């Protein structure tokens, strides 16, 4: 690889097996066989074709950061959820948020929500069901349905 890189730098092109054989003082057949089985390092930012600007960096996904459109979609969806929830009463909104874990790490059970508001499990269930029925109304859920399909 060092010899290959040195000659590639010198010739400004990949060297042939014969050129490498002369440089390394080895038989050309042995160098050719070695070149067939050895891996070739590729520059991530080198163009695919001479004179073009497209490189591997342009086509490989970056798994370290979320795509900008995904971030915008999530932000827009969050705003739409808040808009839909704002059409509910305060108690309905609180119950739905707690039950589904909106803006908290995980959802709570009906019993846990009941303890928070000093309500029975059944009453919390009724409030949740009523809120969901209200959210299903077309005028409240039209934009949310666009996100959910």
N, C-alpha and C. Protein backbone atom coordinates (compact mmCIF):
# COMPACT_ATOMS: atom_id res chain seq x y z
N UNK A 1 0.82 -1.20 0.00
CA UNK A 1 0.00 0.00 0.00
C UNK A 1 0.86 1.26 0.00
N UNK A 2 1.98 1.23 0.75
CA UNK A 2 2.86 2.41 0.77
C UNK A 2 3.47 2.66 -0.60
N UNK A 3 3.92 1.59 -1.24
CA UNK A 3 4.51 1.73 -2.57
C UNK A 3 3.46 2.21 -3.56
N UNK A 4 2.27 1.65 -3.47
CA UNK A 4 1.18 2.05 -4.35
C UNK A 4 0.89 3.53 -4.17
N UNK A 5 0.76 3.97 -2.91
CA UNK A 5 0.45 5.37 -2.63
C UNK A 5 1.56 6.29 -3.12
N UNK A 6 2.82 5.89 -2.93
CA UNK A 6 3.95 6.72 -3.36
C UNK A 6 3.94 6.90 -4.87
N UNK A 7 3.76 5.78 -5.59
CA UNK A 7 3.74 5.86 -7.05
C UNK A 7 2.50 6.59 -7.56
N UNK A 8 1.39 6.39 -6.89
CA UNK A 8 0.16 7.09 -7.28
C UNK A 8 0.36 8.59 -7.14
N UNK A 9 1.01 9.00 -6.08
CA UNK A 9 1.29 10.42 -5.85
C UNK A 9 2.24 10.95 -6.93
N UNK A 10 3.25 10.16 -7.22
CA UNK A 10 4.27 10.57 -8.19
C UNK A 10 3.70 10.67 -9.61
N UNK A 11 2.93 9.64 -10.02
CA UNK A 11 2.39 9.60 -11.38
C UNK A 11 1.06 10.34 -11.53
N UNK A 12 0.44 10.70 -10.39
CA UNK A 12 -0.88 11.34 -10.37
C UNK A 12 -1.95 10.46 -11.02
N UNK A 13 -1.76 9.16 -10.85
CA UNK A 13 -2.71 8.15 -11.32
C UNK A 13 -2.33 6.85 -10.63
N UNK A 14 -3.24 5.88 -10.58
CA UNK A 14 -2.88 4.58 -9.99
C UNK A 14 -1.79 3.90 -10.82
N UNK A 15 -0.75 3.38 -10.18
CA UNK A 15 0.31 2.72 -10.94
C UNK A 15 -0.13 1.35 -11.45
N UNK A 16 0.49 0.90 -12.52
CA UNK A 16 0.20 -0.43 -13.06
C UNK A 16 0.96 -1.47 -12.25
N UNK A 17 0.60 -2.73 -12.45
CA UNK A 17 1.28 -3.82 -11.75
C UNK A 17 2.75 -3.87 -12.16
N UNK A 18 3.05 -3.60 -13.43
CA UNK A 18 4.44 -3.61 -13.91
C UNK A 18 5.25 -2.51 -13.23
N UNK A 19 4.67 -1.32 -13.12
CA UNK A 19 5.38 -0.21 -12.46
C UNK A 19 5.65 -0.53 -10.99
N UNK A 20 4.67 -1.12 -10.32
CA UNK A 20 4.86 -1.52 -8.93
C UNK A 20 5.93 -2.61 -8.81
N UNK A 21 5.93 -3.55 -9.74
CA UNK A 21 6.91 -4.65 -9.71
C UNK A 21 8.33 -4.11 -9.84
N UNK A 22 8.54 -3.16 -10.74
CA UNK A 22 9.86 -2.55 -10.90
C UNK A 22 10.25 -1.82 -9.63
N UNK A 23 9.33 -1.04 -9.09
CA UNK A 23 9.61 -0.26 -7.88
C UNK A 23 9.96 -1.16 -6.70
N UNK A 24 9.22 -2.28 -6.54
CA UNK A 24 9.41 -3.19 -5.41
C UNK A 24 10.45 -4.28 -5.68
N UNK A 25 10.90 -4.36 -6.92
CA UNK A 25 11.86 -5.39 -7.32
C UNK A 25 11.28 -6.78 -7.06
N UNK A 26 10.03 -6.97 -7.54
CA UNK A 26 9.33 -8.24 -7.40
C UNK A 26 8.82 -8.66 -8.78
N UNK A 27 8.49 -9.96 -8.95
CA UNK A 27 7.91 -10.40 -10.23
C UNK A 27 6.55 -9.73 -10.48
N UNK A 28 6.30 -9.33 -11.71
CA UNK A 28 5.06 -8.64 -12.07
C UNK A 28 3.83 -9.50 -11.78
N UNK A 29 3.93 -10.83 -11.99
CA UNK A 29 2.79 -11.72 -11.73
C UNK A 29 2.40 -11.71 -10.26
N UNK A 30 3.41 -11.72 -9.39
CA UNK A 30 3.14 -11.73 -7.95
C UNK A 30 2.47 -10.42 -7.53
N UNK A 31 2.93 -9.31 -8.07
CA UNK A 31 2.34 -8.00 -7.76
C UNK A 31 0.91 -7.95 -8.27
N UNK A 32 0.67 -8.44 -9.48
CA UNK A 32 -0.68 -8.43 -10.06
C UNK A 32 -1.63 -9.28 -9.23
N UNK A 33 -1.18 -10.46 -8.79
CA UNK A 33 -2.02 -11.32 -7.94
C UNK A 33 -2.34 -10.64 -6.62
N UNK A 34 -1.35 -10.00 -6.04
CA UNK A 34 -1.55 -9.30 -4.76
C UNK A 34 -2.53 -8.14 -4.92
N UNK A 35 -2.43 -7.43 -6.04
CA UNK A 35 -3.34 -6.30 -6.28
C UNK A 35 -4.79 -6.77 -6.43
N UNK A 36 -4.98 -7.98 -6.96
CA UNK A 36 -6.34 -8.50 -7.15
C UNK A 36 -7.02 -8.78 -5.82
N UNK A 37 -6.26 -9.26 -4.84
CA UNK A 37 -6.88 -9.66 -3.58
C UNK A 37 -6.81 -8.58 -2.50
N UNK A 38 -5.97 -7.59 -2.69
CA UNK A 38 -5.86 -6.55 -1.65
C UNK A 38 -6.96 -5.52 -1.81
N UNK A 39 -7.42 -5.00 -0.69
CA UNK A 39 -8.44 -3.97 -0.71
C UNK A 39 -7.85 -2.64 -1.12
N UNK A 40 -8.67 -1.81 -1.66
CA UNK A 40 -8.23 -0.49 -2.10
C UNK A 40 -8.92 0.54 -1.24
N UNK A 41 -8.16 1.45 -0.67
CA UNK A 41 -8.74 2.53 0.13
C UNK A 41 -9.32 3.58 -0.80
N UNK A 42 -10.49 4.07 -0.42
CA UNK A 42 -11.17 5.06 -1.25
C UNK A 42 -11.39 6.32 -0.43
N UNK A 43 -11.11 7.44 -1.03
CA UNK A 43 -11.33 8.71 -0.35
C UNK A 43 -12.83 9.01 -0.32
N UNK A 44 -13.32 9.43 0.85
CA UNK A 44 -14.75 9.73 0.99
C UNK A 44 -15.14 11.01 0.24
N UNK A 45 -14.18 11.92 0.07
CA UNK A 45 -14.53 13.18 -0.59
C UNK A 45 -13.95 13.30 -1.99
N UNK A 46 -13.34 12.24 -2.51
CA UNK A 46 -12.85 12.27 -3.89
C UNK A 46 -14.03 12.12 -4.84
N UNK A 47 -14.01 12.85 -5.96
CA UNK A 47 -15.14 12.75 -6.90
C UNK A 47 -15.22 11.35 -7.52
N UNK A 48 -16.45 10.93 -7.85
CA UNK A 48 -16.65 9.64 -8.51
C UNK A 48 -15.96 9.62 -9.88
N UNK A 49 -16.14 10.71 -10.61
CA UNK A 49 -15.59 10.84 -11.95
C UNK A 49 -14.78 12.13 -11.99
N UNK A 50 -13.64 12.07 -12.66
CA UNK A 50 -12.78 13.24 -12.79
C UNK A 50 -13.57 14.43 -13.34
N UNK A 51 -13.49 15.56 -12.68
CA UNK A 51 -14.17 16.76 -13.13
C UNK A 51 -15.54 16.98 -12.54
N UNK A 52 -16.08 15.97 -11.85
CA UNK A 52 -17.39 16.14 -11.21
C UNK A 52 -17.20 16.44 -9.73
N UNK A 53 -18.26 16.91 -9.11
CA UNK A 53 -18.15 17.24 -7.68
C UNK A 53 -18.82 16.21 -6.78
N UNK A 54 -19.55 15.24 -7.33
CA UNK A 54 -20.21 14.22 -6.51
C UNK A 54 -19.19 13.26 -5.91
N UNK A 55 -19.36 12.98 -4.61
CA UNK A 55 -18.46 12.06 -3.92
C UNK A 55 -19.27 11.14 -3.01
N UNK A 56 -18.59 10.23 -2.33
CA UNK A 56 -19.28 9.33 -1.40
C UNK A 56 -19.98 10.10 -0.30
N UNK A 57 -19.41 11.22 0.12
CA UNK A 57 -20.03 12.03 1.17
C UNK A 57 -21.42 12.51 0.77
N UNK A 58 -21.64 12.67 -0.54
CA UNK A 58 -22.94 13.14 -1.02
C UNK A 58 -24.01 12.07 -0.97
N UNK A 59 -23.62 10.80 -1.01
CA UNK A 59 -24.62 9.74 -1.09
C UNK A 59 -24.72 8.87 0.16
N UNK A 60 -23.73 8.90 1.02
CA UNK A 60 -23.79 8.10 2.24
C UNK A 60 -24.62 8.82 3.29
N UNK A 61 -25.53 8.11 3.96
CA UNK A 61 -26.34 8.77 4.99
C UNK A 61 -25.49 9.07 6.23
N UNK A 62 -25.82 10.17 6.89
CA UNK A 62 -25.15 10.52 8.14
C UNK A 62 -26.04 10.04 9.28
N UNK A 63 -25.65 8.94 9.91
CA UNK A 63 -26.46 8.36 10.98
C UNK A 63 -26.27 9.07 12.31
N UNK A 64 -25.33 10.02 12.36
CA UNK A 64 -25.07 10.73 13.61
C UNK A 64 -26.07 11.85 13.87
N UNK A 65 -26.72 12.33 12.83
CA UNK A 65 -27.68 13.41 13.03
C UNK A 65 -28.97 13.11 12.27
N UNK A 66 -30.06 13.56 12.84
CA UNK A 66 -31.36 13.35 12.21
C UNK A 66 -31.47 14.25 10.98
N UNK A 67 -32.09 13.77 9.93
CA UNK A 67 -32.28 14.62 8.75
C UNK A 67 -33.11 15.85 9.11
N UNK A 68 -32.78 16.96 8.48
CA UNK A 68 -33.46 18.22 8.78
C UNK A 68 -34.97 18.11 8.58
N UNK A 69 -35.39 17.41 7.53
CA UNK A 69 -36.82 17.31 7.29
C UNK A 69 -37.52 16.50 8.38
N UNK A 70 -36.84 15.51 8.95
CA UNK A 70 -37.42 14.73 10.05
C UNK A 70 -37.61 15.63 11.27
N UNK A 71 -36.62 16.47 11.55
CA UNK A 71 -36.73 17.38 12.70
C UNK A 71 -37.88 18.36 12.50
N UNK A 72 -38.00 18.89 11.29
CA UNK A 72 -39.10 19.82 11.00
C UNK A 72 -40.45 19.13 11.09
N UNK A 73 -40.52 17.91 10.59
CA UNK A 73 -41.77 17.15 10.66
C UNK A 73 -42.17 16.89 12.10
N UNK A 74 -41.20 16.48 12.94
CA UNK A 74 -41.50 16.23 14.35
C UNK A 74 -41.95 17.50 15.06
N UNK A 75 -41.29 18.61 14.76
CA UNK A 75 -41.67 19.88 15.38
C UNK A 75 -43.08 20.29 14.95
N UNK A 76 -43.36 20.13 13.66
CA UNK A 76 -44.68 20.47 13.14
C UNK A 76 -45.76 19.57 13.73
N UNK A 77 -45.45 18.28 13.86
CA UNK A 77 -46.40 17.33 14.45
C UNK A 77 -46.67 17.68 15.91
N UNK A 78 -45.63 18.04 16.65
CA UNK A 78 -45.81 18.43 18.05
C UNK A 78 -46.72 19.64 18.17
N UNK A 79 -46.52 20.62 17.30
CA UNK A 79 -47.37 21.81 17.32
C UNK A 79 -48.82 21.45 17.00
N UNK A 80 -49.00 20.54 16.05
CA UNK A 80 -50.36 20.14 15.66
C UNK A 80 -51.04 19.36 16.78
N UNK A 81 -50.29 18.53 17.48
CA UNK A 81 -50.84 17.79 18.63
C UNK A 81 -51.27 18.79 19.70
N UNK A 82 -50.42 19.76 19.98
CA UNK A 82 -50.76 20.78 20.99
C UNK A 82 -52.00 21.56 20.56
N UNK A 83 -52.09 21.88 19.26
CA UNK A 83 -53.26 22.62 18.77
C UNK A 83 -54.53 21.79 18.96
N UNK A 84 -54.46 20.51 18.63
CA UNK A 84 -55.63 19.64 18.80
C UNK A 84 -55.99 19.50 20.27
N UNK A 85 -54.99 19.34 21.13
CA UNK A 85 -55.26 19.19 22.56
C UNK A 85 -55.82 20.47 23.17
N UNK A 86 -55.48 21.61 22.59
CA UNK A 86 -55.98 22.88 23.13
C UNK A 86 -57.48 23.03 22.96
N UNK A 87 -58.10 22.18 22.13
CA UNK A 87 -59.55 22.25 21.95
C UNK A 87 -60.29 21.50 23.06
N UNK A 88 -59.55 20.78 23.90
CA UNK A 88 -60.16 20.03 25.01
C UNK A 88 -60.21 20.89 26.26
N UNK A 89 -61.00 20.44 27.23
CA UNK A 89 -60.99 21.13 28.52
C UNK A 89 -59.64 20.86 29.19
N UNK A 90 -59.31 21.64 30.19
CA UNK A 90 -58.02 21.48 30.87
C UNK A 90 -57.88 20.08 31.46
N UNK A 91 -58.93 19.59 32.09
CA UNK A 91 -58.87 18.25 32.71
C UNK A 91 -58.70 17.17 31.64
N UNK A 92 -59.47 17.27 30.54
CA UNK A 92 -59.34 16.29 29.46
C UNK A 92 -57.92 16.30 28.89
N UNK A 93 -57.41 17.51 28.66
CA UNK A 93 -56.05 17.66 28.12
C UNK A 93 -55.02 17.02 29.05
N UNK A 94 -55.14 17.29 30.35
CA UNK A 94 -54.20 16.73 31.33
C UNK A 94 -54.26 15.21 31.35
N UNK A 95 -55.47 14.66 31.34
CA UNK A 95 -55.64 13.21 31.38
C UNK A 95 -55.03 12.57 30.13
N UNK A 96 -55.32 13.12 28.96
CA UNK A 96 -54.79 12.57 27.70
C UNK A 96 -53.26 12.64 27.69
N UNK A 97 -52.71 13.79 28.08
CA UNK A 97 -51.25 13.94 28.09
C UNK A 97 -50.60 12.94 29.03
N UNK A 98 -51.16 12.78 30.21
CA UNK A 98 -50.59 11.85 31.18
C UNK A 98 -50.74 10.40 30.72
N UNK A 99 -51.90 10.06 30.18
CA UNK A 99 -52.15 8.68 29.76
C UNK A 99 -51.23 8.27 28.61
N UNK A 100 -51.06 9.15 27.63
CA UNK A 100 -50.25 8.82 26.45
C UNK A 100 -48.79 9.23 26.59
N UNK A 101 -48.43 9.85 27.71
CA UNK A 101 -47.03 10.21 27.94
C UNK A 101 -46.56 11.36 27.08
N UNK A 102 -47.45 12.29 26.77
CA UNK A 102 -47.08 13.45 25.97
C UNK A 102 -46.35 14.44 26.87
N UNK A 103 -45.14 14.81 26.47
CA UNK A 103 -44.27 15.74 27.20
C UNK A 103 -43.74 15.15 28.51
N UNK A 104 -43.89 13.84 28.71
CA UNK A 104 -43.26 13.16 29.84
C UNK A 104 -42.62 11.88 29.31
N UNK A 105 -41.82 11.23 30.13
CA UNK A 105 -41.07 10.05 29.66
C UNK A 105 -41.94 8.87 29.30
N UNK A 106 -43.01 8.63 30.04
CA UNK A 106 -43.86 7.47 29.77
C UNK A 106 -45.28 7.76 30.26
N UNK A 107 -46.23 7.05 29.67
CA UNK A 107 -47.62 7.25 30.06
C UNK A 107 -47.91 6.66 31.43
N UNK A 108 -48.93 7.21 32.08
CA UNK A 108 -49.35 6.74 33.39
C UNK A 108 -50.59 5.85 33.25
N UNK A 109 -50.81 5.01 34.22
CA UNK A 109 -52.01 4.17 34.22
C UNK A 109 -53.21 5.00 34.66
N UNK A 110 -54.39 4.47 34.42
CA UNK A 110 -55.61 5.17 34.86
C UNK A 110 -55.59 5.37 36.37
N UNK A 111 -55.08 4.37 37.11
CA UNK A 111 -55.01 4.48 38.57
C UNK A 111 -54.07 5.60 39.00
N UNK A 112 -52.91 5.70 38.34
CA UNK A 112 -51.93 6.74 38.68
C UNK A 112 -52.50 8.13 38.40
N UNK A 113 -53.20 8.26 37.28
CA UNK A 113 -53.81 9.55 36.94
C UNK A 113 -54.90 9.88 37.95
N UNK A 114 -55.70 8.87 38.30
CA UNK A 114 -56.76 9.07 39.29
C UNK A 114 -56.20 9.55 40.62
N UNK A 115 -55.10 8.99 41.05
CA UNK A 115 -54.47 9.41 42.31
C UNK A 115 -54.01 10.86 42.24
N UNK A 116 -53.52 11.27 41.09
CA UNK A 116 -53.06 12.66 40.90
C UNK A 116 -54.21 13.66 41.03
N UNK A 117 -55.37 13.30 40.50
CA UNK A 117 -56.50 14.22 40.47
C UNK A 117 -57.58 13.88 41.49
N UNK A 118 -57.32 12.90 42.32
CA UNK A 118 -58.28 12.44 43.33
C UNK A 118 -59.58 12.01 42.65
N UNK A 119 -59.42 11.15 41.62
CA UNK A 119 -60.56 10.61 40.87
C UNK A 119 -60.45 9.09 40.86
N UNK A 120 -61.58 8.43 40.62
CA UNK A 120 -61.54 6.97 40.50
C UNK A 120 -60.97 6.59 39.14
N UNK A 121 -60.53 5.36 39.05
CA UNK A 121 -60.01 4.84 37.79
C UNK A 121 -61.07 4.94 36.71
N UNK A 122 -62.31 4.61 37.04
CA UNK A 122 -63.41 4.63 36.09
C UNK A 122 -63.68 6.05 35.60
N UNK A 123 -63.63 7.02 36.49
CA UNK A 123 -63.88 8.42 36.09
C UNK A 123 -62.77 8.90 35.15
N UNK A 124 -61.54 8.53 35.42
CA UNK A 124 -60.42 8.90 34.54
C UNK A 124 -60.62 8.26 33.17
N UNK A 125 -61.05 6.99 33.14
CA UNK A 125 -61.31 6.31 31.87
C UNK A 125 -62.39 7.04 31.08
N UNK A 126 -63.46 7.47 31.76
CA UNK A 126 -64.55 8.19 31.09
C UNK A 126 -64.05 9.51 30.50
N UNK A 127 -63.25 10.23 31.27
CA UNK A 127 -62.70 11.52 30.78
C UNK A 127 -61.81 11.28 29.56
N UNK A 128 -60.97 10.26 29.64
CA UNK A 128 -60.07 9.94 28.52
C UNK A 128 -60.87 9.57 27.27
N UNK A 129 -61.87 8.72 27.42
CA UNK A 129 -62.68 8.29 26.28
C UNK A 129 -63.44 9.47 25.66
N UNK A 130 -63.97 10.34 26.50
CA UNK A 130 -64.68 11.52 25.99
C UNK A 130 -63.72 12.42 25.22
N UNK A 131 -62.54 12.61 25.76
CA UNK A 131 -61.54 13.45 25.09
C UNK A 131 -61.15 12.86 23.74
N UNK A 132 -60.97 11.56 23.69
CA UNK A 132 -60.60 10.91 22.42
C UNK A 132 -61.73 11.05 21.40
N UNK A 133 -62.98 10.89 21.86
CA UNK A 133 -64.12 11.09 20.94
C UNK A 133 -64.11 12.51 20.39
N UNK A 134 -63.84 13.48 21.26
CA UNK A 134 -63.82 14.88 20.81
C UNK A 134 -62.67 15.11 19.83
N UNK A 135 -61.53 14.48 20.07
CA UNK A 135 -60.38 14.65 19.17
C UNK A 135 -60.62 14.00 17.81
N UNK A 136 -61.45 12.97 17.78
CA UNK A 136 -61.74 12.29 16.51
C UNK A 136 -62.64 13.12 15.61
N UNK A 137 -63.28 14.13 16.15
CA UNK A 137 -64.15 14.99 15.36
C UNK A 137 -63.31 15.58 14.22
N UNK A 138 -63.86 15.60 13.02
CA UNK A 138 -63.14 15.98 11.81
C UNK A 138 -62.43 17.33 11.93
N UNK A 139 -63.11 18.33 12.45
CA UNK A 139 -62.50 19.66 12.49
C UNK A 139 -61.28 19.70 13.40
N UNK A 140 -61.24 18.83 14.41
CA UNK A 140 -60.10 18.83 15.34
C UNK A 140 -58.94 17.96 14.85
N UNK A 141 -59.25 16.97 14.05
CA UNK A 141 -58.23 15.98 13.71
C UNK A 141 -57.80 15.99 12.25
N UNK A 142 -58.34 16.88 11.44
CA UNK A 142 -58.04 16.87 10.01
C UNK A 142 -56.53 16.97 9.75
N UNK A 143 -55.86 17.92 10.38
CA UNK A 143 -54.43 18.08 10.14
C UNK A 143 -53.61 16.95 10.76
N UNK A 144 -54.05 16.44 11.90
CA UNK A 144 -53.34 15.32 12.51
C UNK A 144 -53.42 14.08 11.62
N UNK A 145 -54.56 13.87 10.99
CA UNK A 145 -54.73 12.71 10.11
C UNK A 145 -53.78 12.80 8.92
N UNK A 146 -53.43 14.00 8.50
CA UNK A 146 -52.48 14.16 7.40
C UNK A 146 -51.11 13.60 7.79
N UNK A 147 -50.72 13.75 9.05
CA UNK A 147 -49.44 13.21 9.51
C UNK A 147 -49.49 11.70 9.69
N UNK A 148 -50.63 11.21 10.14
CA UNK A 148 -50.73 9.80 10.49
C UNK A 148 -51.16 8.92 9.32
N UNK A 149 -51.57 9.53 8.24
CA UNK A 149 -51.91 8.76 7.05
C UNK A 149 -53.33 8.41 6.90
